Each structure stands twice: as structure tokens, then as C-alpha cells.
């Protein structure tokens, strides 16, 4: 009898430990555009802006407003590919937010080629679904200074991500500096509303001037983390009622540029 018990105990101890899921109020992946259409100055403003927003009292208050009072956040840079800068991190305190911001500022950004919003969304969804957290809400927060021009079409990719229960919010960068001017798309915010964002309560906060960037990020993070009602300046998009639009405009611009370059 005792030998049998000892055998079972040894067998039980030999089994691989099951990874435990950590419950949080929110799983939030920050997908940040680092395409070469942005200057080094713009890339630095982005890092500084996210760090300042994360350190703000408003973001900390949003974290504390949740049922569990903790969220899981990650920071990923993207263009034609993706690069995880900060892996999933549990945020419960102001010290956690400050530490996340410090790590961010100690990293260095290198611009990448092309702009694949679709692949960024697919990566973000897989990054959420494969982590060890279980959030009451799951959100991809994606910034960008232009339309999709590489990879799968963005609209059906967006639809597939939303079908997994993930909300997509957008931060279209509508500034005009450096190489980005030749890829400029008028009404980029409308493109994001129509082709990129989705899910219940999804929204867009456009950035028109870089001096407004940190405040735009702070507002967006507070809305996402606290899941607050939308303000009059941040209206939710009625996902099922969008007007049809040309979500392949970025691919068409790229093809036209390629044809121009090929001409003698």
C-alpha cells in the first residue's frame, strides 16, 4: 500500500508543470509604427511620448479603476515586420508603469521598410492569444503614418482578428515630415476608421502635430485601460455600419510608385 502511494507520488511529480493563466483586467499590445517614412526625430518623439503617457497619473488611475487593478501590456514595433521591444509585463503600480517607461527609453529604434498593417494585426492577435494571461478585454493599439502596402489585405485581416474577440484601436499619424510626405494619404483617420479598427467601442485618435503626440497617447491609454465611455471628441465607430471604402489604396500607391521608378 505504501509502495503504491510512493509510486503514484513519484509519477505525479514527474509530470510537467502546467502553465498557470494569470487573470488581468486587460491584455494590451501597443503596436508602434517604425517605417522608414518616419524620420529619426519622429521615432524619438514616439518613444518619449509613450514613456510620458505611461508615467502619467491618469494612466495609473485607469489601472487602479479595474476590477483586478492590474493589466498586462507589451510594446511591439512594426513596419514590414515586427520586433518585440518589451514582452508582456503585468502593471499594478506606478512603479510598474515607470519601470516600463524606463525600459522603453533605454531601447533604440531602427526604421524598417514598408508598411504592413495586416501583418502587424495578425502578429498582435497571435501575441495576445499565445501569452499566459487571461484578460477580461483584449486590445491591439496600433499607430501608423500611412495605409497598408504589403502583405495580406488589411480589411479581411482586421475582420479575422475582431472575430477572435480582440478590439483594435487606431492612432493615425497625420503629420508631414521627411519621407512620409511622398506617401501621404489624405484623411488617414478615415482610412483607419474604415479599414483598420474594429470591435465593440473601437475608436481612432488622430495625431495632427507631433507636439500633441504624448497627450493623444495618454488619452488613448486611459480610454483603453479604464474602458471609459467615449468623449464627444472620441466617437466609437459603428463597425457594422461603415460606408465601403477603398482599403487597397496603399497597395495601389505602392504599385504606382514602383511603376514610376521603373520608367527611364
C-alpha atoms as a PDB file:
ATOM      1  CA  UNK A   1       0.000   0.000   0.000  1.00  0.00           C
ATOM      2  CA  UNK A   2       2.727   2.443   0.978  1.00  0.00           C
ATOM      3  CA  UNK A   3       4.831   1.407  -2.042  1.00  0.00           C
ATOM      4  CA  UNK A   4       1.872   2.068  -4.369  1.00  0.00           C
ATOM      5  CA  UNK A   5       1.396   5.528  -2.831  1.00  0.00           C
ATOM      6  CA  UNK A   6       5.095   6.296  -3.211  1.00  0.00           C
ATOM      7  CA  UNK A   7       4.971   5.225  -6.862  1.00  0.00           C
ATOM      8  CA  UNK A   8       1.978   7.489  -7.577  1.00  0.00           C
ATOM      9  CA  UNK A   9       3.663  10.398  -5.815  1.00  0.00           C
ATOM     10  CA  UNK A  10       6.830   9.997  -7.862  1.00  0.00           C
ATOM     11  CA  UNK A  11       4.840   9.716 -11.089  1.00  0.00           C
ATOM     12  CA  UNK A  12       2.844  12.836 -10.224  1.00  0.00           C
ATOM     13  CA  UNK A  13       5.998  14.819  -9.505  1.00  0.00           C
ATOM     14  CA  UNK A  14       7.479  13.712 -12.819  1.00  0.00           C
ATOM     15  CA  UNK A  15       4.604  15.263 -14.812  1.00  0.00           C
ATOM     16  CA  UNK A  16       5.437  18.614 -16.480  1.00  0.00           C
ATOM     17  CA  UNK A  17       4.058  21.581 -14.591  1.00  0.00           C
ATOM     18  CA  UNK A  18       1.052  23.196 -16.225  1.00  0.00           C
ATOM     19  CA  UNK A  19       1.486  26.883 -17.006  1.00  0.00           C
ATOM     20  CA  UNK A  20      -0.930  28.871 -14.913  1.00  0.00           C
ATOM     21  CA  UNK A  21      -3.011  31.586 -16.515  1.00  0.00           C
ATOM     22  CA  UNK A  22      -2.818  34.976 -14.826  1.00  0.00           C
ATOM     23  CA  UNK A  23      -6.074  36.911 -14.802  1.00  0.00           C
ATOM     24  CA  UNK A  24      -5.908  40.617 -15.630  1.00  0.00           C
ATOM     25  CA  UNK A  25      -8.396  43.339 -16.487  1.00  0.00           C
ATOM     26  CA  UNK A  26      -6.832  43.915 -19.895  1.00  0.00           C
ATOM     27  CA  UNK A  27      -4.324  42.453 -22.345  1.00  0.00           C
ATOM     28  CA  UNK A  28      -2.985  45.388 -24.370  1.00  0.00           C
ATOM     29  CA  UNK A  29      -0.355  45.187 -27.107  1.00  0.00           C
ATOM     30  CA  UNK A  30       0.998  48.543 -28.251  1.00  0.00           C
ATOM     31  CA  UNK A  31       1.869  48.182 -31.961  1.00  0.00           C
ATOM     32  CA  UNK A  32       4.039  51.175 -32.898  1.00  0.00           C
ATOM     33  CA  UNK A  33       4.907  52.143 -36.483  1.00  0.00           C
ATOM     34  CA  UNK A  34       8.651  52.495 -37.221  1.00  0.00           C
ATOM     35  CA  UNK A  35       8.532  52.537 -41.033  1.00  0.00           C
ATOM     36  CA  UNK A  36      11.243  54.449 -42.896  1.00  0.00           C
ATOM     37  CA  UNK A  37       8.723  57.081 -43.964  1.00  0.00           C
ATOM     38  CA  UNK A  38       9.246  58.410 -40.430  1.00  0.00           C
ATOM     39  CA  UNK A  39      12.332  60.421 -39.521  1.00  0.00           C
ATOM     40  CA  UNK A  40      14.616  59.586 -36.605  1.00  0.00           C
ATOM     41  CA  UNK A  41      13.206  62.647 -34.864  1.00  0.00           C
ATOM     42  CA  UNK A  42       9.670  61.273 -35.203  1.00  0.00           C
ATOM     43  CA  UNK A  43      10.758  57.869 -33.913  1.00  0.00           C
ATOM     44  CA  UNK A  44      12.305  59.526 -30.861  1.00  0.00           C
ATOM     45  CA  UNK A  45       9.161  61.601 -30.259  1.00  0.00           C
ATOM     46  CA  UNK A  46       7.141  58.385 -30.282  1.00  0.00           C
ATOM     47  CA  UNK A  47       9.310  56.700 -27.639  1.00  0.00           C
ATOM     48  CA  UNK A  48       9.312  59.812 -25.461  1.00  0.00           C
ATOM     49  CA  UNK A  49       5.558  60.233 -25.906  1.00  0.00           C
ATOM     50  CA  UNK A  50       4.696  56.691 -24.890  1.00  0.00           C
ATOM     51  CA  UNK A  51       7.019  56.909 -21.891  1.00  0.00           C
ATOM     52  CA  UNK A  52       5.477  60.198 -20.733  1.00  0.00           C
ATOM     53  CA  UNK A  53       1.950  58.845 -21.157  1.00  0.00           C
ATOM     54  CA  UNK A  54       2.723  55.665 -19.227  1.00  0.00           C
ATOM     55  CA  UNK A  55       4.135  57.685 -16.329  1.00  0.00           C
ATOM     56  CA  UNK A  56       1.062  59.930 -16.127  1.00  0.00           C
ATOM     57  CA  UNK A  57      -1.264  59.962 -13.134  1.00  0.00           C
ATOM     58  CA  UNK A  58      -4.226  59.424 -15.468  1.00  0.00           C
ATOM     59  CA  UNK A  59      -2.933  56.087 -16.757  1.00  0.00           C
ATOM     60  CA  UNK A  60      -2.170  54.910 -13.223  1.00  0.00           C
ATOM     61  CA  UNK A  61      -5.700  55.887 -12.122  1.00  0.00           C
ATOM     62  CA  UNK A  62      -7.079  53.908 -15.071  1.00  0.00           C
ATOM     63  CA  UNK A  63      -5.150  50.804 -13.953  1.00  0.00           C
ATOM     64  CA  UNK A  64      -6.497  51.173 -10.416  1.00  0.00           C
ATOM     65  CA  UNK A  65     -10.080  51.554 -11.670  1.00  0.00           C
ATOM     66  CA  UNK A  66     -10.302  47.953 -12.874  1.00  0.00           C
ATOM     67  CA  UNK A  67     -11.845  45.032 -11.036  1.00  0.00           C
ATOM     68  CA  UNK A  68      -8.479  43.292 -10.590  1.00  0.00           C
ATOM     69  CA  UNK A  69      -6.450  46.523 -10.695  1.00  0.00           C
ATOM     70  CA  UNK A  70      -3.820  45.007 -12.956  1.00  0.00           C
ATOM     71  CA  UNK A  71      -3.236  44.873 -16.688  1.00  0.00           C
ATOM     72  CA  UNK A  72      -0.755  43.130 -18.998  1.00  0.00           C
ATOM     73  CA  UNK A  73       0.964  45.369 -21.559  1.00  0.00           C
ATOM     74  CA  UNK A  74       3.555  44.756 -24.285  1.00  0.00           C
ATOM     75  CA  UNK A  75       5.292  47.058 -26.785  1.00  0.00           C
ATOM     76  CA  UNK A  76       5.978  45.948 -30.352  1.00  0.00           C
ATOM     77  CA  UNK A  77       7.479  47.968 -33.206  1.00  0.00           C
ATOM     78  CA  UNK A  78       6.338  47.163 -36.717  1.00  0.00           C
ATOM     79  CA  UNK A  79       6.711  48.134 -40.371  1.00  0.00           C
ATOM     80  CA  UNK A  80       7.193  45.344 -42.925  1.00  0.00           C
ATOM     81  CA  UNK A  81       7.982  43.020 -39.988  1.00  0.00           C
ATOM     82  CA  UNK A  82       7.568  43.099 -36.211  1.00  0.00           C
ATOM     83  CA  UNK A  83      10.016  43.449 -33.339  1.00  0.00           C
ATOM     84  CA  UNK A  84       9.067  42.879 -29.684  1.00  0.00           C
ATOM     85  CA  UNK A  85      10.682  45.668 -27.654  1.00  0.00           C
ATOM     86  CA  UNK A  86       9.034  44.885 -24.291  1.00  0.00           C
ATOM     87  CA  UNK A  87       7.393  41.497 -23.710  1.00  0.00           C
ATOM     88  CA  UNK A  88       4.222  41.049 -21.683  1.00  0.00           C
ATOM     89  CA  UNK A  89       4.505  42.877 -18.367  1.00  0.00           C
ATOM     90  CA  UNK A  90       2.000  42.999 -15.521  1.00  0.00           C
ATOM     91  CA  UNK A  91       1.212  46.544 -14.440  1.00  0.00           C
ATOM     92  CA  UNK A  92      -0.248  47.098 -10.973  1.00  0.00           C
ATOM     93  CA  UNK A  93       1.547  50.121  -9.556  1.00  0.00           C
ATOM     94  CA  UNK A  94       3.032  53.462 -10.519  1.00  0.00           C
ATOM     95  CA  UNK A  95       6.442  51.834 -10.108  1.00  0.00           C
ATOM     96  CA  UNK A  96       5.473  49.229 -12.717  1.00  0.00           C
ATOM     97  CA  UNK A  97       4.483  51.968 -15.147  1.00  0.00           C
ATOM     98  CA  UNK A  98       7.692  53.890 -14.501  1.00  0.00           C
ATOM     99  CA  UNK A  99       9.766  50.741 -15.000  1.00  0.00           C
ATOM    100  CA  UNK A 100       8.035  50.004 -18.311  1.00  0.00           C
ATOM    101  CA  UNK A 101       8.714  53.591 -19.442  1.00  0.00           C
ATOM    102  CA  UNK A 102      12.369  53.376 -18.359  1.00  0.00           C
ATOM    103  CA  UNK A 103      12.887  50.155 -20.314  1.00  0.00           C
ATOM    104  CA  UNK A 104      11.304  51.769 -23.340  1.00  0.00           C
ATOM    105  CA  UNK A 105      13.625  54.774 -23.222  1.00  0.00           C
ATOM    106  CA  UNK A 106      16.677  52.516 -22.841  1.00  0.00           C
ATOM    107  CA  UNK A 107      15.880  50.860 -26.188  1.00  0.00           C
ATOM    108  CA  UNK A 108      16.877  52.071 -29.641  1.00  0.00           C
ATOM    109  CA  UNK A 109      14.631  52.196 -32.690  1.00  0.00           C
ATOM    110  CA  UNK A 110      15.818  51.445 -36.231  1.00  0.00           C
ATOM    111  CA  UNK A 111      13.440  52.287 -39.081  1.00  0.00           C
ATOM    112  CA  UNK A 112      12.193  49.379 -41.185  1.00  0.00           C
ATOM    113  CA  UNK A 113      10.993  49.075 -44.781  1.00  0.00           C
ATOM    114  CA  UNK A 114       7.376  49.016 -45.965  1.00  0.00           C
ATOM    115  CA  UNK A 115       4.083  49.215 -44.061  1.00  0.00           C
ATOM    116  CA  UNK A 116       2.130  46.034 -43.359  1.00  0.00           C
ATOM    117  CA  UNK A 117      -0.744  46.849 -41.040  1.00  0.00           C
ATOM    118  CA  UNK A 118      -2.299  43.474 -41.828  1.00  0.00           C
ATOM    119  CA  UNK A 119       0.747  41.505 -40.672  1.00  0.00           C
ATOM    120  CA  UNK A 120       1.038  43.724 -37.598  1.00  0.00           C
ATOM    121  CA  UNK A 121      -2.566  42.941 -36.676  1.00  0.00           C
ATOM    122  CA  UNK A 122      -2.057  39.211 -37.247  1.00  0.00           C
ATOM    123  CA  UNK A 123       1.084  39.272 -35.124  1.00  0.00           C
ATOM    124  CA  UNK A 124      -0.683  41.224 -32.375  1.00  0.00           C
ATOM    125  CA  UNK A 125      -3.567  38.757 -32.275  1.00  0.00           C
ATOM    126  CA  UNK A 126      -1.248  35.740 -32.049  1.00  0.00           C
ATOM    127  CA  UNK A 127       0.845  37.547 -29.436  1.00  0.00           C
ATOM    128  CA  UNK A 128      -2.270  38.004 -27.314  1.00  0.00           C
ATOM    129  CA  UNK A 129      -3.670  34.511 -27.780  1.00  0.00           C
ATOM    130  CA  UNK A 130      -0.357  32.764 -27.034  1.00  0.00           C
ATOM    131  CA  UNK A 131       0.562  34.594 -23.818  1.00  0.00           C
ATOM    132  CA  UNK A 132      -0.016  33.342 -20.263  1.00  0.00           C
ATOM    133  CA  UNK A 133      -2.648  35.953 -19.379  1.00  0.00           C
ATOM    134  CA  UNK A 134      -6.414  35.927 -19.498  1.00  0.00           C
ATOM    135  CA  UNK A 135      -7.870  39.393 -19.762  1.00  0.00           C
ATOM    136  CA  UNK A 136     -11.474  40.464 -19.440  1.00  0.00           C
ATOM    137  CA  UNK A 137     -10.677  42.572 -22.501  1.00  0.00           C
ATOM    138  CA  UNK A 138      -8.097  42.118 -25.267  1.00  0.00           C
ATOM    139  CA  UNK A 139      -6.928  45.123 -27.282  1.00  0.00           C
ATOM    140  CA  UNK A 140      -4.498  45.845 -30.118  1.00  0.00           C
ATOM    141  CA  UNK A 141      -3.492  49.507 -30.118  1.00  0.00           C
ATOM    142  CA  UNK A 142      -1.908  50.314 -33.495  1.00  0.00           C
ATOM    143  CA  UNK A 143      -0.294  53.527 -34.716  1.00  0.00           C
ATOM    144  CA  UNK A 144       0.733  54.313 -38.279  1.00  0.00           C
ATOM    145  CA  UNK A 145       1.548  57.124 -40.700  1.00  0.00           C
ATOM    146  CA  UNK A 146       0.207  55.511 -43.851  1.00  0.00           C
ATOM    147  CA  UNK A 147      -2.015  52.795 -45.348  1.00  0.00           C
ATOM    148  CA  UNK A 148      -1.196  49.114 -45.736  1.00  0.00           C
ATOM    149  CA  UNK A 149       1.121  48.452 -48.703  1.00  0.00           C
ATOM    150  CA  UNK A 150       2.491  44.954 -48.050  1.00  0.00           C
ATOM    151  CA  UNK A 151       1.170  41.547 -47.055  1.00  0.00           C
ATOM    152  CA  UNK A 152      -2.435  40.456 -46.903  1.00  0.00           C
ATOM    153  CA  UNK A 153      -5.290  42.919 -47.487  1.00  0.00           C
ATOM    154  CA  UNK A 154      -5.958  44.770 -44.263  1.00  0.00           C
ATOM    155  CA  UNK A 155      -9.779  44.709 -44.087  1.00  0.00           C
ATOM    156  CA  UNK A 156     -10.285  40.906 -44.069  1.00  0.00           C
ATOM    157  CA  UNK A 157      -7.342  40.564 -41.676  1.00  0.00           C
ATOM    158  CA  UNK A 158      -8.987  43.079 -39.360  1.00  0.00           C
ATOM    159  CA  UNK A 159     -12.257  41.140 -39.552  1.00  0.00           C
ATOM    160  CA  UNK A 160     -10.498  37.878 -38.616  1.00  0.00           C
ATOM    161  CA  UNK A 161      -8.822  39.491 -35.603  1.00  0.00           C
ATOM    162  CA  UNK A 162     -12.071  41.040 -34.370  1.00  0.00           C
ATOM    163  CA  UNK A 163     -13.761  37.624 -34.732  1.00  0.00           C
ATOM    164  CA  UNK A 164     -11.313  36.346 -32.088  1.00  0.00           C
ATOM    165  CA  UNK A 165     -12.766  38.796 -29.568  1.00  0.00           C
ATOM    166  CA  UNK A 166      -9.970  41.346 -29.894  1.00  0.00           C
ATOM    167  CA  UNK A 167     -10.690  45.082 -30.172  1.00  0.00           C
ATOM    168  CA  UNK A 168      -8.482  47.176 -32.467  1.00  0.00           C
ATOM    169  CA  UNK A 169      -7.976  50.897 -31.794  1.00  0.00           C
ATOM    170  CA  UNK A 170      -6.000  53.263 -34.008  1.00  0.00           C
ATOM    171  CA  UNK A 171      -3.608  56.185 -33.707  1.00  0.00           C
ATOM    172  CA  UNK A 172      -3.187  57.548 -37.252  1.00  0.00           C
ATOM    173  CA  UNK A 173      -0.163  59.844 -37.507  1.00  0.00           C
ATOM    174  CA  UNK A 174      -1.240  62.627 -39.855  1.00  0.00           C
ATOM    175  CA  UNK A 175       1.881  64.765 -39.565  1.00  0.00           C
ATOM    176  CA  UNK A 176       4.004  65.756 -42.570  1.00  0.00           C
ATOM    177  CA  UNK A 177       7.735  65.429 -42.096  1.00  0.00           C
ATOM    178  CA  UNK A 178      10.584  63.865 -44.047  1.00  0.00           C
ATOM    179  CA  UNK A 179       9.995  60.958 -46.461  1.00  0.00           C
ATOM    180  CA  UNK A 180       6.448  60.492 -45.207  1.00  0.00           C
ATOM    181  CA  UNK A 181       5.222  63.367 -47.365  1.00  0.00           C
ATOM    182  CA  UNK A 182       5.548  61.334 -50.575  1.00  0.00           C
ATOM    183  CA  UNK A 183       3.364  58.568 -49.100  1.00  0.00           C
ATOM    184  CA  UNK A 184       0.891  60.968 -47.500  1.00  0.00           C
ATOM    185  CA  UNK A 185      -2.738  59.858 -47.602  1.00  0.00           C
ATOM    186  CA  UNK A 186      -5.390  62.491 -47.072  1.00  0.00           C
ATOM    187  CA  UNK A 187      -7.909  61.551 -44.384  1.00  0.00           C
ATOM    188  CA  UNK A 188      -5.749  58.773 -42.961  1.00  0.00           C
ATOM    189  CA  UNK A 189      -8.037  58.816 -39.936  1.00  0.00           C
ATOM    190  CA  UNK A 190     -10.980  57.845 -42.156  1.00  0.00           C
ATOM    191  CA  UNK A 191      -8.892  55.018 -43.643  1.00  0.00           C
ATOM    192  CA  UNK A 192      -8.183  53.756 -40.115  1.00  0.00           C
ATOM    193  CA  UNK A 193     -11.858  54.017 -39.180  1.00  0.00           C
ATOM    194  CA  UNK A 194     -12.949  52.165 -42.306  1.00  0.00           C
ATOM    195  CA  UNK A 195     -10.212  49.602 -42.843  1.00  0.00           C
ATOM    196  CA  UNK A 196      -8.182  49.088 -39.646  1.00  0.00           C
ATOM    197  CA  UNK A 197     -10.082  49.392 -36.375  1.00  0.00           C
ATOM    198  CA  UNK A 198     -12.889  47.129 -35.189  1.00  0.00           C
ATOM    199  CA  UNK A 199     -14.701  45.563 -32.277  1.00  0.00           C
ATOM    200  CA  UNK A 200     -17.071  46.958 -29.630  1.00  0.00           C
ATOM    201  CA  UNK A 201     -16.244  50.561 -28.707  1.00  0.00           C
ATOM    202  CA  UNK A 202     -13.260  50.761 -31.086  1.00  0.00           C
ATOM    203  CA  UNK A 203     -12.009  54.263 -31.786  1.00  0.00           C
ATOM    204  CA  UNK A 204      -9.433  56.410 -33.554  1.00  0.00           C
ATOM    205  CA  UNK A 205      -7.464  59.333 -32.111  1.00  0.00           C
ATOM    206  CA  UNK A 206      -5.610  61.139 -34.922  1.00  0.00           C
ATOM    207  CA  UNK A 207      -2.329  62.972 -34.308  1.00  0.00           C
ATOM    208  CA  UNK A 208      -2.086  66.145 -36.430  1.00  0.00           C
ATOM    209  CA  UNK A 209       1.006  67.657 -34.780  1.00  0.00           C
ATOM    210  CA  UNK A 210       3.895  65.905 -33.040  1.00  0.00           C
ATOM    211  CA  UNK A 211       3.653  68.250 -30.064  1.00  0.00           C
ATOM    212  CA  UNK A 212       0.247  66.686 -29.365  1.00  0.00           C
ATOM    213  CA  UNK A 213       1.514  63.103 -29.519  1.00  0.00           C
ATOM    214  CA  UNK A 214       2.111  62.390 -25.819  1.00  0.00           C
ATOM    215  CA  UNK A 215      -1.312  63.742 -24.862  1.00  0.00           C
ATOM    216  CA  UNK A 216      -3.002  61.703 -27.598  1.00  0.00           C
ATOM    217  CA  UNK A 217      -1.296  58.532 -26.329  1.00  0.00           C
ATOM    218  CA  UNK A 218      -2.277  59.337 -22.737  1.00  0.00           C
ATOM    219  CA  UNK A 219      -5.937  59.839 -23.693  1.00  0.00           C
ATOM    220  CA  UNK A 220      -5.934  56.618 -25.703  1.00  0.00           C
ATOM    221  CA  UNK A 221      -4.354  54.564 -22.916  1.00  0.00           C
ATOM    222  CA  UNK A 222      -6.793  55.884 -20.323  1.00  0.00           C
ATOM    223  CA  UNK A 223      -9.756  55.010 -22.558  1.00  0.00           C
ATOM    224  CA  UNK A 224      -8.386  51.541 -23.266  1.00  0.00           C
ATOM    225  CA  UNK A 225      -7.287  50.614 -19.760  1.00  0.00           C
ATOM    226  CA  UNK A 226     -10.260  52.008 -17.867  1.00  0.00           C
ATOM    227  CA  UNK A 227     -12.750  51.151 -20.613  1.00  0.00           C
ATOM    228  CA  UNK A 228     -14.392  54.517 -20.052  1.00  0.00           C
ATOM    229  CA  UNK A 229     -17.307  55.847 -22.102  1.00  0.00           C
ATOM    230  CA  UNK A 230     -16.214  57.729 -25.204  1.00  0.00           C
ATOM    231  CA  UNK A 231     -15.989  61.513 -25.024  1.00  0.00           C
ATOM    232  CA  UNK A 232     -17.535  63.794 -27.606  1.00  0.00           C
ATOM    233  CA  UNK A 233     -14.130  64.063 -29.327  1.00  0.00           C
ATOM    234  CA  UNK A 234     -13.552  60.297 -29.494  1.00  0.00           C
ATOM    235  CA  UNK A 235     -16.657  58.779 -31.000  1.00  0.00           C
ATOM    236  CA  UNK A 236     -16.913  54.980 -31.285  1.00  0.00           C
ATOM    237  CA  UNK A 237     -17.151  53.696 -34.844  1.00  0.00           C
ATOM    238  CA  UNK A 238     -20.275  51.688 -35.667  1.00  0.00           C
ATOM    239  CA  UNK A 239     -18.418  48.688 -37.051  1.00  0.00           C
ATOM    240  CA  UNK A 240     -21.329  47.079 -38.920  1.00  0.00           C
ATOM    241  CA  UNK A 241     -22.470  50.390 -40.435  1.00  0.00           C
ATOM    242  CA  UNK A 242     -19.264  51.626 -42.074  1.00  0.00           C
ATOM    243  CA  UNK A 243     -19.500  53.011 -45.573  1.00  0.00           C
ATOM    244  CA  UNK A 244     -17.490  50.955 -48.077  1.00  0.00           C
ATOM    245  CA  UNK A 245     -14.109  52.436 -48.938  1.00  0.00           C
ATOM    246  CA  UNK A 246     -11.023  51.512 -50.931  1.00  0.00           C
ATOM    247  CA  UNK A 247      -8.970  49.622 -48.366  1.00  0.00           C
ATOM    248  CA  UNK A 248      -6.392  48.744 -51.039  1.00  0.00           C
ATOM    249  CA  UNK A 249      -5.377  52.360 -51.600  1.00  0.00           C
ATOM    250  CA  UNK A 250      -1.937  51.777 -50.019  1.00  0.00           C
ATOM    251  CA  UNK A 251      -1.184  48.867 -52.326  1.00  0.00           C
ATOM    252  CA  UNK A 252      -2.239  50.998 -55.322  1.00  0.00           C
ATOM    253  CA  UNK A 253       0.025  53.878 -54.243  1.00  0.00           C
ATOM    254  CA  UNK A 254       2.961  51.470 -53.872  1.00  0.00           C
ATOM    255  CA  UNK A 255       2.348  49.941 -57.299  1.00  0.00           C
ATOM    256  CA  UNK A 256       2.183  53.379 -58.905  1.00  0.00           C
ATOM    257  CA  UNK A 257       5.466  54.398 -57.222  1.00  0.00           C
ATOM    258  CA  UNK A 258       7.082  51.165 -58.419  1.00  0.00           C
ATOM    259  CA  UNK A 259       5.976  51.848 -61.998  1.00  0.00           C
ATOM    260  CA  UNK A 260       7.312  55.419 -61.761  1.00  0.00           C
ATOM    261  CA  UNK A 261      10.692  54.148 -60.550  1.00  0.00           C
ATOM    262  CA  UNK A 262      10.850  51.655 -63.449  1.00  0.00           C
ATOM    263  CA  UNK A 263      10.437  54.332 -66.099  1.00  0.00           C
ATOM    264  CA  UNK A 264      13.684  55.581 -67.715  1.00  0.00           C
END
